[in-house]
C-alpha atoms as a PDB file:
ATOM      1  CA  MET A   1      15.618 210.101  17.324  1.00  0.00           C
ATOM      2  CA  GLN A   2      16.948 209.388  20.641  1.00  0.00           C
ATOM      3  CA  ARG A   3      16.513 205.152  19.784  1.00  0.00           C
ATOM      4  CA  LEU A   4      18.069 205.823  16.717  1.00  0.00           C
ATOM      5  CA  ILE A   5      21.304 207.374  18.045  1.00  0.00           C
ATOM      6  CA  VAL A   6      21.209 204.300  20.929  1.00  0.00           C
ATOM      7  CA  LEU A   7      21.365 201.699  18.098  1.00  0.00           C
ATOM      8  CA  VAL A   8      23.521 203.737  16.610  1.00  0.00           C
ATOM      9  CA  LEU A   9      26.796 203.237  19.286  1.00  0.00           C
ATOM     10  CA  LEU A  10      25.505 199.972  20.116  1.00  0.00           C
ATOM     11  CA  VAL A  11      26.056 198.695  16.813  1.00  0.00           C
ATOM     12  CA  LEU A  12      29.032 200.528  16.617  1.00  0.00           C
ATOM     13  CA  MET A  13      30.068 199.357  19.690  1.00  0.00           C
ATOM     14  CA  SER A  14      29.121 195.729  18.684  1.00  0.00           C
ATOM     15  CA  THR A  15      31.517 196.232  16.062  1.00  0.00           C
ATOM     16  CA  LEU A  16      34.949 196.953  17.494  1.00  0.00           C
ATOM     17  CA  GLU A  17      36.899 195.259  18.636  1.00  0.00           C
ATOM     18  CA  PRO A  18      38.231 194.959  22.423  1.00  0.00           C
ATOM     19  CA  LYS A  19      41.466 196.445  23.152  1.00  0.00           C
ATOM     20  CA  ALA A  20      43.726 194.329  23.942  1.00  0.00           C
ATOM     21  CA  GLN A  21      44.837 193.510  27.626  1.00  0.00           C
ATOM     22  CA  GLY A  22      47.926 193.433  29.178  1.00  0.00           C
ATOM     23  CA  THR A  23      50.026 190.712  29.465  1.00  0.00           C
ATOM     24  CA  ARG A  24      48.882 188.200  32.532  1.00  0.00           C
ATOM     25  CA  ALA A  25      51.193 186.046  34.350  1.00  0.00           C
ATOM     26  CA  ARG A  26      50.949 182.534  34.224  1.00  0.00           C
ATOM     27  CA  ILE A  27      49.788 180.171  36.793  1.00  0.00           C
ATOM     28  CA  ASP A  28      51.145 177.050  37.522  1.00  0.00           C
ATOM     29  CA  VAL A  29      48.018 175.489  38.500  1.00  0.00           C
ATOM     30  CA  SER A  30      49.116 172.382  40.191  1.00  0.00           C
ATOM     31  CA  LYS A  31      51.277 174.103  42.742  1.00  0.00           C
ATOM     32  CA  LEU A  32      47.849 175.638  43.952  1.00  0.00           C
ATOM     33  CA  GLY A  33      46.767 172.979  46.170  1.00  0.00           C
ATOM     34  CA  PRO A  34      46.395 168.788  46.121  1.00  0.00           C
ATOM     35  CA  GLU A  35      45.600 167.370  42.647  1.00  0.00           C
ATOM     36  CA  VAL A  36      42.907 164.911  41.182  1.00  0.00           C
ATOM     37  CA  GLY A  37      44.086 161.245  43.322  1.00  0.00           C
ATOM     38  CA  GLU A  38      46.804 162.704  45.628  1.00  0.00           C
ATOM     39  CA  ARG A  39      46.955 162.211  49.274  1.00  0.00           C
ATOM     40  CA  VAL A  40      45.933 164.918  51.363  1.00  0.00           C
ATOM     41  CA  PRO A  41      47.779 165.710  54.826  1.00  0.00           C
ATOM     42  CA  ASP A  42      45.425 165.021  57.850  1.00  0.00           C
ATOM     43  CA  PHE A  43      43.633 168.243  59.004  1.00  0.00           C
ATOM     44  CA  GLU A  44      41.042 169.381  61.366  1.00  0.00           C
ATOM     45  CA  LEU A  45      38.558 171.893  60.920  1.00  0.00           C
ATOM     46  CA  VAL A  46      35.735 173.083  61.935  1.00  0.00           C
ATOM     47  CA  ASP A  47      32.214 173.102  59.505  1.00  0.00           C
ATOM     48  CA  GLN A  48      29.776 175.359  59.394  1.00  0.00           C
ATOM     49  CA  THR A  49      27.869 173.841  63.061  1.00  0.00           C
ATOM     50  CA  GLY A  50      30.657 174.332  64.852  1.00  0.00           C
ATOM     51  CA  THR A  51      31.455 170.396  64.891  1.00  0.00           C
ATOM     52  CA  LYS A  52      35.101 169.330  64.427  1.00  0.00           C
ATOM     53  CA  ARG A  53      35.951 167.921  61.631  1.00  0.00           C
ATOM     54  CA  THR A  54      39.614 165.761  60.742  1.00  0.00           C
ATOM     55  CA  LEU A  55      40.118 164.015  57.104  1.00  0.00           C
ATOM     56  CA  GLN A  56      39.642 160.810  59.432  1.00  0.00           C
ATOM     57  CA  SER A  57      35.911 161.613  60.803  1.00  0.00           C
ATOM     58  CA  ILE A  58      34.765 161.938  56.981  1.00  0.00           C
ATOM     59  CA  MET A  59      36.449 159.047  55.492  1.00  0.00           C
ATOM     60  CA  GLY A  60      34.095 156.579  53.927  1.00  0.00           C
ATOM     61  CA  ARG A  61      34.545 152.918  52.989  1.00  0.00           C
ATOM     62  CA  ARG A  62      35.638 154.028  49.537  1.00  0.00           C
ATOM     63  CA  GLY A  63      37.402 156.956  50.749  1.00  0.00           C
ATOM     64  CA  ALA A  64      36.543 160.498  50.628  1.00  0.00           C
ATOM     65  CA  MET A  65      36.370 163.093  48.152  1.00  0.00           C
ATOM     66  CA  LEU A  66      37.043 166.792  49.142  1.00  0.00           C
ATOM     67  CA  VAL A  67      35.504 169.656  46.758  1.00  0.00           C
ATOM     68  CA  PHE A  68      36.907 172.959  46.875  1.00  0.00           C
ATOM     69  CA  VAL A  69      34.592 175.867  45.659  1.00  0.00           C
ATOM     70  CA  ARG A  70      36.475 179.364  45.724  1.00  0.00           C
ATOM     71  CA  SER A  71      33.743 181.706  46.030  1.00  0.00           C
ATOM     72  CA  ALA A  72      33.579 185.681  47.053  1.00  0.00           C
ATOM     73  CA  ASP A  73      30.692 185.598  48.877  1.00  0.00           C
ATOM     74  CA  TRP A  74      32.143 184.390  52.261  1.00  0.00           C
END
């Protein structure tokens, strides 16, 4: 009987339309950071081993690719 009630509740919940969430402000992503292909200013940062890195130090013969990853685990 309990399984039947749970099953009925799950079916009912799956047929309901989700509530409309409040309107969110639109974000202009072009203002969040450099665009693809855009030159970035020189920088100096410390990597995970404590070594100072600059844009020039990571630049290869064909340039460099910077990948920015947003993480909630930091």
